[in-house]
Amino acid sequence: MPDAFLNCTGITTINIPAKKTDYYKKRLPEELHQFIVEMEPEKKAKKK
């Protein structure tokens, strides 16, 4: 996966699931870490 974004200049954000930042930082090249945005966790609907 390190070459997946090689020479890509159009990246502005990389949206990742909540609490997965460390997982993706280990797998993406360091120069892409600045674009990582952690999404808010989905709120589960309350059962009635």
C-alpha atoms as a PDB file:
ATOM      1  CA  MET A   1       0.000   0.000   0.000  1.00  0.00           C
ATOM      2  CA  PRO A   2       2.859   2.514   0.413  1.00  0.00           C
ATOM      3  CA  ASP A   3       2.904   3.117  -3.345  1.00  0.00           C
ATOM      4  CA  ALA A   4      -0.877   3.558  -3.593  1.00  0.00           C
ATOM      5  CA  PHE A   5      -0.613   7.356  -3.385  1.00  0.00           C
ATOM      6  CA  LEU A   6       2.811   7.770  -4.972  1.00  0.00           C
ATOM      7  CA  ASN A   7       3.113  11.135  -6.771  1.00  0.00           C
ATOM      8  CA  CYS A   8      -0.506  12.066  -5.988  1.00  0.00           C
ATOM      9  CA  THR A   9      -0.784  15.833  -5.543  1.00  0.00           C
ATOM     10  CA  GLY A  10      -4.546  16.185  -5.202  1.00  0.00           C
ATOM     11  CA  ILE A  11      -5.029  14.672  -1.738  1.00  0.00           C
ATOM     12  CA  THR A  12      -6.547  17.110   0.739  1.00  0.00           C
ATOM     13  CA  THR A  13      -7.990  14.705   3.330  1.00  0.00           C
ATOM     14  CA  ILE A  14      -7.978  11.036   4.139  1.00  0.00           C
ATOM     15  CA  ASN A  15     -11.083  10.227   6.161  1.00  0.00           C
ATOM     16  CA  ILE A  16     -10.617   7.262   8.451  1.00  0.00           C
ATOM     17  CA  PRO A  17     -12.912   5.512  10.919  1.00  0.00           C
ATOM     18  CA  ALA A  18     -12.930   6.698  14.523  1.00  0.00           C
ATOM     19  CA  LYS A  19     -10.131   5.329  16.721  1.00  0.00           C
ATOM     20  CA  LYS A  20      -8.185   3.906  13.763  1.00  0.00           C
ATOM     21  CA  THR A  21      -5.581   6.676  13.380  1.00  0.00           C
ATOM     22  CA  ASP A  22      -2.658   4.584  14.617  1.00  0.00           C
ATOM     23  CA  TYR A  23      -3.610   1.695  12.338  1.00  0.00           C
ATOM     24  CA  TYR A  24      -3.546   3.889   9.231  1.00  0.00           C
ATOM     25  CA  LYS A  25      -0.448   5.849  10.228  1.00  0.00           C
ATOM     26  CA  LYS A  26       1.469   2.573  10.377  1.00  0.00           C
ATOM     27  CA  ARG A  27       0.379   1.729   6.836  1.00  0.00           C
ATOM     28  CA  LEU A  28       0.460   5.084   5.022  1.00  0.00           C
ATOM     29  CA  PRO A  29       3.640   6.958   4.107  1.00  0.00           C
ATOM     30  CA  GLU A  30       4.578   9.596   6.690  1.00  0.00           C
ATOM     31  CA  GLU A  31       4.102  12.458   4.215  1.00  0.00           C
ATOM     32  CA  LEU A  32       0.368  11.609   4.111  1.00  0.00           C
ATOM     33  CA  HIS A  33      -0.168  11.738   7.885  1.00  0.00           C
ATOM     34  CA  GLN A  34      -0.934  15.459   7.714  1.00  0.00           C
ATOM     35  CA  PHE A  35      -4.050  14.701   5.651  1.00  0.00           C
ATOM     36  CA  ILE A  36      -5.585  12.158   8.031  1.00  0.00           C
ATOM     37  CA  VAL A  37      -8.934  13.221   9.474  1.00  0.00           C
ATOM     38  CA  GLU A  38     -10.559  10.923  12.009  1.00  0.00           C
ATOM     39  CA  MET A  39     -14.304  10.662  11.488  1.00  0.00           C
ATOM     40  CA  GLU A  40     -16.697  10.891  14.416  1.00  0.00           C
ATOM     41  CA  PRO A  41     -18.010   7.543  15.627  1.00  0.00           C
ATOM     42  CA  GLU A  42     -21.500   6.685  14.470  1.00  0.00           C
ATOM     43  CA  LYS A  43     -24.091   7.076  17.145  1.00  0.00           C
ATOM     44  CA  LYS A  44     -26.323   4.076  17.511  1.00  0.00           C
ATOM     45  CA  ALA A  45     -30.045   4.679  17.687  1.00  0.00           C
ATOM     46  CA  LYS A  46     -31.636   3.914  21.007  1.00  0.00           C
ATOM     47  CA  LYS A  47     -34.065   1.025  21.052  1.00  0.00           C
ATOM     48  CA  LYS A  48     -37.580   1.832  22.185  1.00  0.00           C
END
